[in-house]
Amino acid sequence: MLGDILAPERIKVPLVGATRKEVVEELVDLLVGTGDLSDRDEVLAAIFSREHVRSTGIGSGLAVPHAKTSQVSDLIMAVGVCAEPVDFDSIDGVGVRLVVLLIGPEEMTSQHIRVLTRITSMMSFASVRGKLLEAQSADALYEVVCRYEATAA
């Protein structure tokens, strides 16, 4: 469940960065600040290495940057809402407003893929994306995710 790997302290509304690099750094810094990550540079290198393979701007204003690293022993997720659309070189050319960062350990590939699938499934609903974008606080955004999970289970 997404609500199990996300917590209000891992949500930032709004993100202030104006570039892909800045918003990813903001979310990683959020996870460093909560004590979920210790080596910021290692995690950023893993994320941007993945971004160089293929953009994680998957369309409809959503980006899901993700990476695997020894920094974590379980999956963790951070979410941010960009104040203005950010260029993620998305497949549809639309600027990104929702950024979902997923970090997992190297050995949890199947769980990592399942969570990515769950995120994209949730975001396929325009009504859910709209509610996430309208959230004025971390708690409000977290509640939208949990409500979706309760109805999708």
C-alpha atoms as a PDB file:
ATOM      1  CA  MET A   1       0.000   0.000   0.000  1.00  0.00           C
ATOM      2  CA  LEU A   2       1.289   3.427  -0.916  1.00  0.00           C
ATOM      3  CA  GLY A   3       0.162   4.851   2.414  1.00  0.00           C
ATOM      4  CA  ASP A   4       2.560   2.439   4.135  1.00  0.00           C
ATOM      5  CA  ILE A   5       5.650   3.799   2.375  1.00  0.00           C
ATOM      6  CA  LEU A   6       4.558   7.427   2.389  1.00  0.00           C
ATOM      7  CA  ALA A   7       4.039   9.672   5.417  1.00  0.00           C
ATOM      8  CA  PRO A   8       3.065  13.347   5.703  1.00  0.00           C
ATOM      9  CA  GLU A   9       6.648  14.252   6.680  1.00  0.00           C
ATOM     10  CA  ARG A  10       7.747  12.884   3.275  1.00  0.00           C
ATOM     11  CA  ILE A  11       5.459  15.267   1.371  1.00  0.00           C
ATOM     12  CA  LYS A  12       6.258  18.819   0.297  1.00  0.00           C
ATOM     13  CA  VAL A  13       3.529  21.190  -0.854  1.00  0.00           C
ATOM     14  CA  PRO A  14       4.644  23.210  -2.718  1.00  0.00           C
ATOM     15  CA  LEU A  15       8.027  22.354  -4.135  1.00  0.00           C
ATOM     16  CA  VAL A  16       9.912  25.551  -4.947  1.00  0.00           C
ATOM     17  CA  GLY A  17      12.403  24.208  -7.501  1.00  0.00           C
ATOM     18  CA  ALA A  18      12.086  25.314 -11.103  1.00  0.00           C
ATOM     19  CA  THR A  19      14.062  22.486 -12.747  1.00  0.00           C
ATOM     20  CA  ARG A  20      14.016  18.696 -12.692  1.00  0.00           C
ATOM     21  CA  LYS A  21      17.318  18.687 -10.789  1.00  0.00           C
ATOM     22  CA  GLU A  22      16.048  21.166  -8.190  1.00  0.00           C
ATOM     23  CA  VAL A  23      12.780  19.359  -7.423  1.00  0.00           C
ATOM     24  CA  VAL A  24      14.486  15.958  -7.182  1.00  0.00           C
ATOM     25  CA  GLU A  25      17.077  17.476  -4.842  1.00  0.00           C
ATOM     26  CA  GLU A  26      14.267  18.993  -2.735  1.00  0.00           C
ATOM     27  CA  LEU A  27      12.616  15.612  -2.274  1.00  0.00           C
ATOM     28  CA  VAL A  28      15.909  13.856  -1.520  1.00  0.00           C
ATOM     29  CA  ASP A  29      16.755  16.604   0.992  1.00  0.00           C
ATOM     30  CA  LEU A  30      13.335  16.049   2.567  1.00  0.00           C
ATOM     31  CA  LEU A  31      14.190  12.355   3.052  1.00  0.00           C
ATOM     32  CA  VAL A  32      17.615  13.236   4.437  1.00  0.00           C
ATOM     33  CA  GLY A  33      15.905  15.632   6.850  1.00  0.00           C
ATOM     34  CA  THR A  34      13.531  12.930   8.094  1.00  0.00           C
ATOM     35  CA  GLY A  35      16.458  10.564   8.661  1.00  0.00           C
ATOM     36  CA  ASP A  36      15.314   8.161   5.924  1.00  0.00           C
ATOM     37  CA  LEU A  37      18.520   8.725   3.913  1.00  0.00           C
ATOM     38  CA  SER A  38      22.042   9.549   5.017  1.00  0.00           C
ATOM     39  CA  ASP A  39      24.130   9.873   1.836  1.00  0.00           C
ATOM     40  CA  ARG A  40      22.411  12.521  -0.277  1.00  0.00           C
ATOM     41  CA  ASP A  41      25.004  12.401  -3.056  1.00  0.00           C
ATOM     42  CA  GLU A  42      24.798   8.621  -3.499  1.00  0.00           C
ATOM     43  CA  VAL A  43      21.020   8.720  -3.818  1.00  0.00           C
ATOM     44  CA  LEU A  44      21.053  11.670  -6.212  1.00  0.00           C
ATOM     45  CA  ALA A  45      23.658   9.904  -8.380  1.00  0.00           C
ATOM     46  CA  ALA A  46      21.437   6.788  -8.525  1.00  0.00           C
ATOM     47  CA  ILE A  47      18.346   8.838  -9.429  1.00  0.00           C
ATOM     48  CA  PHE A  48      20.062  10.900 -12.132  1.00  0.00           C
ATOM     49  CA  SER A  49      21.767   7.810 -13.540  1.00  0.00           C
ATOM     50  CA  ARG A  50      18.270   6.370 -13.998  1.00  0.00           C
ATOM     51  CA  GLU A  51      17.030   9.676 -15.496  1.00  0.00           C
ATOM     52  CA  HIS A  52      19.803   9.542 -18.129  1.00  0.00           C
ATOM     53  CA  VAL A  53      18.523   6.141 -19.297  1.00  0.00           C
ATOM     54  CA  ARG A  54      15.007   7.458 -19.825  1.00  0.00           C
ATOM     55  CA  SER A  55      13.010  10.361 -18.472  1.00  0.00           C
ATOM     56  CA  THR A  56      10.681   9.530 -15.610  1.00  0.00           C
ATOM     57  CA  GLY A  57       8.240  12.193 -16.809  1.00  0.00           C
ATOM     58  CA  ILE A  58       5.524   9.696 -17.682  1.00  0.00           C
ATOM     59  CA  GLY A  59       2.873  12.136 -18.874  1.00  0.00           C
ATOM     60  CA  SER A  60      -0.223  13.936 -17.615  1.00  0.00           C
ATOM     61  CA  GLY A  61       1.921  16.222 -15.457  1.00  0.00           C
ATOM     62  CA  LEU A  62       3.467  13.359 -13.468  1.00  0.00           C
ATOM     63  CA  ALA A  63       7.078  12.326 -12.931  1.00  0.00           C
ATOM     64  CA  VAL A  64       8.180   9.279 -10.939  1.00  0.00           C
ATOM     65  CA  PRO A  65      11.937   9.520 -10.436  1.00  0.00           C
ATOM     66  CA  HIS A  66      13.165   6.342  -8.804  1.00  0.00           C
ATOM     67  CA  ALA A  67      16.289   4.426  -7.934  1.00  0.00           C
ATOM     68  CA  LYS A  68      17.634   1.490  -5.990  1.00  0.00           C
ATOM     69  CA  THR A  69      20.350   1.984  -3.407  1.00  0.00           C
ATOM     70  CA  SER A  70      21.927   0.386  -0.365  1.00  0.00           C
ATOM     71  CA  GLN A  71      20.904   3.527   1.559  1.00  0.00           C
ATOM     72  CA  VAL A  72      17.549   1.984   2.456  1.00  0.00           C
ATOM     73  CA  SER A  73      16.384  -1.362   3.762  1.00  0.00           C
ATOM     74  CA  ASP A  74      12.782  -0.917   2.602  1.00  0.00           C
ATOM     75  CA  LEU A  75      10.897   1.096  -0.007  1.00  0.00           C
ATOM     76  CA  ILE A  76      10.323   4.764   0.786  1.00  0.00           C
ATOM     77  CA  MET A  77       8.375   7.352  -1.132  1.00  0.00           C
ATOM     78  CA  ALA A  78       8.296  11.143  -1.139  1.00  0.00           C
ATOM     79  CA  VAL A  79       5.792  13.312  -2.992  1.00  0.00           C
ATOM     80  CA  GLY A  80       5.880  16.941  -4.018  1.00  0.00           C
ATOM     81  CA  VAL A  81       3.613  19.312  -5.858  1.00  0.00           C
ATOM     82  CA  CYS A  82       5.429  21.847  -8.025  1.00  0.00           C
ATOM     83  CA  ALA A  83       4.234  25.441  -7.758  1.00  0.00           C
ATOM     84  CA  GLU A  84       4.729  25.783 -11.534  1.00  0.00           C
ATOM     85  CA  PRO A  85       5.109  23.100 -14.228  1.00  0.00           C
ATOM     86  CA  VAL A  86       8.667  21.752 -14.483  1.00  0.00           C
ATOM     87  CA  ASP A  87      10.268  20.351 -17.637  1.00  0.00           C
ATOM     88  CA  PHE A  88      11.004  16.643 -17.106  1.00  0.00           C
ATOM     89  CA  ASP A  89      11.271  15.880 -20.816  1.00  0.00           C
ATOM     90  CA  SER A  90       7.973  14.031 -20.411  1.00  0.00           C
ATOM     91  CA  ILE A  91       6.768  11.684 -23.112  1.00  0.00           C
ATOM     92  CA  ASP A  92       3.730  13.909 -23.778  1.00  0.00           C
ATOM     93  CA  GLY A  93       5.656  17.206 -23.557  1.00  0.00           C
ATOM     94  CA  VAL A  94       3.518  18.408 -20.641  1.00  0.00           C
ATOM     95  CA  GLY A  95       5.245  20.112 -17.717  1.00  0.00           C
ATOM     96  CA  VAL A  96       5.285  18.164 -14.463  1.00  0.00           C
ATOM     97  CA  ARG A  97       3.385  19.326 -11.373  1.00  0.00           C
ATOM     98  CA  LEU A  98       3.303  16.047  -9.403  1.00  0.00           C
ATOM     99  CA  VAL A  99       6.591  14.370  -8.496  1.00  0.00           C
ATOM    100  CA  VAL A 100       6.598  10.983  -6.780  1.00  0.00           C
ATOM    101  CA  LEU A 101      10.071   9.867  -5.695  1.00  0.00           C
ATOM    102  CA  LEU A 102      10.572   6.169  -4.972  1.00  0.00           C
ATOM    103  CA  ILE A 103      13.744   4.786  -3.402  1.00  0.00           C
ATOM    104  CA  GLY A 104      14.217   1.077  -2.755  1.00  0.00           C
ATOM    105  CA  PRO A 105      16.932  -1.381  -1.828  1.00  0.00           C
ATOM    106  CA  GLU A 106      18.748  -3.256  -4.584  1.00  0.00           C
ATOM    107  CA  GLU A 107      17.210  -6.617  -3.645  1.00  0.00           C
ATOM    108  CA  MET A 108      13.557  -5.503  -3.785  1.00  0.00           C
ATOM    109  CA  THR A 109      13.145  -5.271  -7.568  1.00  0.00           C
ATOM    110  CA  SER A 110       9.741  -6.968  -7.778  1.00  0.00           C
ATOM    111  CA  GLN A 111       8.283  -4.861  -4.937  1.00  0.00           C
ATOM    112  CA  HIS A 112       9.784  -1.740  -6.532  1.00  0.00           C
ATOM    113  CA  ILE A 113       8.044  -2.548  -9.820  1.00  0.00           C
ATOM    114  CA  ARG A 114       4.736  -3.283  -8.046  1.00  0.00           C
ATOM    115  CA  VAL A 115       4.822   0.097  -6.297  1.00  0.00           C
ATOM    116  CA  LEU A 116       5.648   1.888  -9.568  1.00  0.00           C
ATOM    117  CA  THR A 117       2.659   0.136 -11.132  1.00  0.00           C
ATOM    118  CA  ARG A 118       0.429   1.141  -8.214  1.00  0.00           C
ATOM    119  CA  ILE A 119       1.560   4.777  -8.494  1.00  0.00           C
ATOM    120  CA  THR A 120       0.866   4.924 -12.228  1.00  0.00           C
ATOM    121  CA  SER A 121      -2.476   3.208 -11.717  1.00  0.00           C
ATOM    122  CA  MET A 122      -3.522   5.775  -9.102  1.00  0.00           C
ATOM    123  CA  MET A 123      -2.328   8.649 -11.272  1.00  0.00           C
ATOM    124  CA  SER A 124      -4.245   7.375 -14.297  1.00  0.00           C
ATOM    125  CA  PHE A 125      -7.381   8.859 -12.734  1.00  0.00           C
ATOM    126  CA  ALA A 126      -7.678  12.551 -13.594  1.00  0.00           C
ATOM    127  CA  SER A 127      -9.877  13.065 -10.533  1.00  0.00           C
ATOM    128  CA  VAL A 128      -7.151  11.729  -8.205  1.00  0.00           C
ATOM    129  CA  ARG A 129      -4.461  13.820  -9.914  1.00  0.00           C
ATOM    130  CA  GLY A 130      -6.702  16.855  -9.534  1.00  0.00           C
ATOM    131  CA  LYS A 131      -7.244  16.252  -5.818  1.00  0.00           C
ATOM    132  CA  LEU A 132      -3.500  15.785  -5.288  1.00  0.00           C
ATOM    133  CA  LEU A 133      -2.786  19.059  -7.102  1.00  0.00           C
ATOM    134  CA  GLU A 134      -5.428  20.863  -5.029  1.00  0.00           C
ATOM    135  CA  ALA A 135      -3.964  19.650  -1.730  1.00  0.00           C
ATOM    136  CA  GLN A 136      -2.859  22.621   0.336  1.00  0.00           C
ATOM    137  CA  SER A 137      -0.812  20.632   2.848  1.00  0.00           C
ATOM    138  CA  ALA A 138       1.138  17.432   3.304  1.00  0.00           C
ATOM    139  CA  ASP A 139      -1.646  16.005   5.473  1.00  0.00           C
ATOM    140  CA  ALA A 140      -4.283  16.767   2.828  1.00  0.00           C
ATOM    141  CA  LEU A 141      -2.226  15.107   0.089  1.00  0.00           C
ATOM    142  CA  TYR A 142      -1.545  12.067   2.263  1.00  0.00           C
ATOM    143  CA  GLU A 143      -5.282  11.765   2.931  1.00  0.00           C
ATOM    144  CA  VAL A 144      -6.007  11.725  -0.832  1.00  0.00           C
ATOM    145  CA  VAL A 145      -3.513   8.882  -1.304  1.00  0.00           C
ATOM    146  CA  CYS A 146      -4.982   6.897   1.606  1.00  0.00           C
ATOM    147  CA  ARG A 147      -8.563   7.445   0.405  1.00  0.00           C
ATOM    148  CA  TYR A 148      -7.623   6.208  -3.068  1.00  0.00           C
ATOM    149  CA  GLU A 149      -5.902   3.155  -1.570  1.00  0.00           C
ATOM    150  CA  ALA A 150      -8.972   2.330   0.546  1.00  0.00           C
ATOM    151  CA  THR A 151     -11.244   2.351  -2.510  1.00  0.00           C
ATOM    152  CA  ALA A 152      -8.784   0.546  -4.793  1.00  0.00           C
ATOM    153  CA  ALA A 153      -8.011  -2.286  -2.341  1.00  0.00           C
END
